[in-house]
Amino acid sequence: MEVWDRIDVAVIELWRIPKPEFDRAEFYRQINAFPNKSIRCGKQSTMADIMDFLCGDEGRFEDLYLWR
């Protein structure tokens, strides 16, 4: 979190593909540290939207925009 706390803006590519196991709680904590989140530009997204998006496996992707 030391690095994440110093980041004001981030863009992360989210893929709807089969994924290996990962620490969902830690991912949630890091992403949720940003008050503003958007999977599509201009539309605020909730953590539930983001986690739901990651559950798919049809190969589609979106950019996740994060900012403070």
C-alpha atoms as a PDB file:
ATOM      1  CA  MET A   1       0.000   0.000   0.000  1.00  0.00           C
ATOM      2  CA  GLU A   2       2.999   2.324   0.420  1.00  0.00           C
ATOM      3  CA  VAL A   3       3.239   2.704  -3.366  1.00  0.00           C
ATOM      4  CA  TRP A   4      -0.522   2.775  -3.989  1.00  0.00           C
ATOM      5  CA  ASP A   5      -0.978   5.582  -1.462  1.00  0.00           C
ATOM      6  CA  ARG A   6       1.245   7.845  -3.590  1.00  0.00           C
ATOM      7  CA  ILE A   7      -0.566   7.192  -6.880  1.00  0.00           C
ATOM      8  CA  ASP A   8      -3.178   9.774  -7.890  1.00  0.00           C
ATOM      9  CA  VAL A   9      -4.289   8.263 -11.221  1.00  0.00           C
ATOM     10  CA  ALA A  10      -4.078   4.689 -12.527  1.00  0.00           C
ATOM     11  CA  VAL A  11      -5.343   2.697 -15.494  1.00  0.00           C
ATOM     12  CA  ILE A  12      -5.552  -1.088 -15.166  1.00  0.00           C
ATOM     13  CA  GLU A  13      -6.568  -3.481 -17.926  1.00  0.00           C
ATOM     14  CA  LEU A  14      -9.273  -5.895 -16.702  1.00  0.00           C
ATOM     15  CA  TRP A  15      -9.739  -9.116 -18.675  1.00  0.00           C
ATOM     16  CA  ARG A  16     -12.702 -11.468 -18.607  1.00  0.00           C
ATOM     17  CA  ILE A  17     -10.614 -14.623 -18.900  1.00  0.00           C
ATOM     18  CA  PRO A  18     -10.008 -17.653 -16.676  1.00  0.00           C
ATOM     19  CA  LYS A  19      -7.615 -16.514 -13.962  1.00  0.00           C
ATOM     20  CA  PRO A  20      -5.376 -18.228 -11.457  1.00  0.00           C
ATOM     21  CA  GLU A  21      -6.279 -17.821  -7.818  1.00  0.00           C
ATOM     22  CA  PHE A  22      -5.422 -14.395  -6.423  1.00  0.00           C
ATOM     23  CA  ASP A  23      -5.952 -12.576  -3.161  1.00  0.00           C
ATOM     24  CA  ARG A  24      -9.346 -10.990  -3.853  1.00  0.00           C
ATOM     25  CA  ALA A  25      -9.455  -9.243  -0.473  1.00  0.00           C
ATOM     26  CA  GLU A  26      -6.103  -7.527  -1.123  1.00  0.00           C
ATOM     27  CA  PHE A  27      -7.116  -6.579  -4.682  1.00  0.00           C
ATOM     28  CA  TYR A  28     -10.388  -5.172  -3.313  1.00  0.00           C
ATOM     29  CA  ARG A  29      -8.529  -3.181  -0.657  1.00  0.00           C
ATOM     30  CA  GLN A  30      -6.038  -1.685  -3.119  1.00  0.00           C
ATOM     31  CA  ILE A  31      -8.635  -0.714  -5.719  1.00  0.00           C
ATOM     32  CA  ASN A  32     -11.130   0.553  -3.164  1.00  0.00           C
ATOM     33  CA  ALA A  33      -8.479   2.949  -1.800  1.00  0.00           C
ATOM     34  CA  PHE A  34      -9.327   5.142  -4.804  1.00  0.00           C
ATOM     35  CA  PRO A  35     -12.545   7.115  -4.240  1.00  0.00           C
ATOM     36  CA  ASN A  36     -13.217   7.294  -7.999  1.00  0.00           C
ATOM     37  CA  LYS A  37     -13.446   4.184 -10.158  1.00  0.00           C
ATOM     38  CA  SER A  38     -14.736   3.751 -13.704  1.00  0.00           C
ATOM     39  CA  ILE A  39     -14.757   0.730 -15.997  1.00  0.00           C
ATOM     40  CA  ARG A  40     -16.078   2.887 -18.802  1.00  0.00           C
ATOM     41  CA  CYS A  41     -15.010   6.521 -19.118  1.00  0.00           C
ATOM     42  CA  GLY A  42     -17.506   8.872 -17.539  1.00  0.00           C
ATOM     43  CA  LYS A  43     -19.449   6.238 -15.592  1.00  0.00           C
ATOM     44  CA  GLN A  44     -18.640   5.706 -11.922  1.00  0.00           C
ATOM     45  CA  SER A  45     -18.235   2.025 -11.046  1.00  0.00           C
ATOM     46  CA  THR A  46     -18.626   0.318  -7.703  1.00  0.00           C
ATOM     47  CA  MET A  47     -16.376  -2.412  -6.355  1.00  0.00           C
ATOM     48  CA  ALA A  48     -19.263  -4.818  -7.013  1.00  0.00           C
ATOM     49  CA  ASP A  49     -19.261  -3.757 -10.713  1.00  0.00           C
ATOM     50  CA  ILE A  50     -15.517  -4.350 -10.916  1.00  0.00           C
ATOM     51  CA  MET A  51     -15.581  -7.744  -9.194  1.00  0.00           C
ATOM     52  CA  ASP A  52     -18.570  -8.844 -11.315  1.00  0.00           C
ATOM     53  CA  PHE A  53     -16.728  -7.846 -14.476  1.00  0.00           C
ATOM     54  CA  LEU A  54     -13.733  -9.981 -13.489  1.00  0.00           C
ATOM     55  CA  CYS A  55     -15.935 -13.084 -13.117  1.00  0.00           C
ATOM     56  CA  GLY A  56     -16.543 -13.456 -16.855  1.00  0.00           C
ATOM     57  CA  ASP A  57     -14.459 -15.630 -19.147  1.00  0.00           C
ATOM     58  CA  GLU A  58     -15.448 -14.771 -22.730  1.00  0.00           C
ATOM     59  CA  GLY A  59     -12.180 -12.946 -23.471  1.00  0.00           C
ATOM     60  CA  ARG A  60     -13.416  -9.347 -23.408  1.00  0.00           C
ATOM     61  CA  PHE A  61     -11.467  -6.583 -21.655  1.00  0.00           C
ATOM     62  CA  GLU A  62     -12.040  -3.043 -20.387  1.00  0.00           C
ATOM     63  CA  ASP A  63      -9.798  -0.417 -18.872  1.00  0.00           C
ATOM     64  CA  LEU A  64     -10.355   0.424 -15.214  1.00  0.00           C
ATOM     65  CA  TYR A  65      -9.691   4.105 -14.450  1.00  0.00           C
ATOM     66  CA  LEU A  66      -8.836   5.048 -10.861  1.00  0.00           C
ATOM     67  CA  TRP A  67      -8.286   8.537  -9.490  1.00  0.00           C
ATOM     68  CA  ARG A  68      -8.248  10.497  -6.274  1.00  0.00           C
END
